């Protein structure tokens, strides 16, 4: 009982000193606890997004098979698309075609000198070919500002508002696509305001479906096609690869799996590395700073010297001082842990919103699902690193205070009092 009483009296007697020291210790504990929780949650988010990206595969055409992009059988694509473990898919083709359209001003115009102007309409336009489901996603789900309807029928298209204004075109007007003598009349059924971040369509592109593309395939220059499939789970990838290779239309295609997504998550990986390095620095520097500041603090305290002169034995003096430090660190640790939960939750929440937005802009094909915190499993050693740090701080404080008490008892009191 006397030990508890002296510990309480020590706290009251040195409250001003404890206020300064406690504020410093609280700040260090708050930084460490916050970094630990931020790293745990950020690791969980990164792992979850990486698993989502791992369910997506890209099929790209071999460089020496440029002619096969347009001639692939749509039925082969439909078979893969309808597999029970395929969540969603996209068939995307890009090319260039002779047209009657004038490119928008300030638009880079490629000079195709190898093609005779006698065989063309004198101008080339990029053409983007999508399957019907992808057209619906681009122009409906993504809420592109569309005037008119989707180009789901043969010989229909959607052009950008900029391109329509430059050529003074309106809905239901007709444009010609293809070389002279092989022109195909294509009806404008929609005018859209494409997003500047969208990599599928640009302001000078003509957006068509695959039925229209099949009708003008002989006139499309430098055709390039890729397909994307998202599985219901990562386990389904092996089954899909086998089915993909069996499909005749995709014999000359190469499948790219998880490696393609590394660039998407690079910024998140860099953030993780930064937080981890900051955590290591905070742990090492925090222990050193607490040792230095606490050493300075106890050297200024005169109550050890006074209590010993009043007859308090070494054991009672040591135990009461140890209990005093235990109460101090325990109180500060609990307060810092509670505060860090609120602080780290706010920081990671803002970071997650921005990360989700960036991923959706960089790869809109994937249905990025927002991870839930309760689903995130923290790394085992991180569960205890905060408590280990607080315990290390307490151990250093107990060691230093007991060394100070031993010094007072062992050496002449007058010499100790001068220090």
Foldseek 3Di string as FASTA:
>chain_A
DLLQVLLVVVCVVCVVLLVVLLVLLLVLLLLLLLLLVLLQLLVLQLVVQLQQQQQKKKKWFDPVPQLLLLVFDVVLVVVLQPPPFWPHKKKKKKFKWAWPFDFFPPDDADDPPVDDVQFGVNGMFMEMEIAPVVQCCQCPVVVWAKDFDTQNDAQEWEAEPRRCVVVVHDAQDWIWTFTPPLTDIHGYGMYTHHDPLDPRDDRRYIYHYSNNCNSHVVRTHRMIMMMMTGTNGSVCVVVSVVSQCVRPSSVRIDMDGSVVCCVLCVVSVVVSVVSVVVSVCSLVVVLVVLLVVLLVSVLPDCVLLVVVVVPDDLVSSLSSQLVSLVVSLVVSNVVSNVVSVVVSVVVSVVVQVVSVVSSCSNDVVRPDDRDDSVVRDGDVVSVCPSVVSSVSSSVSSSVSVSVLSVCCVPDDVVVSNVD
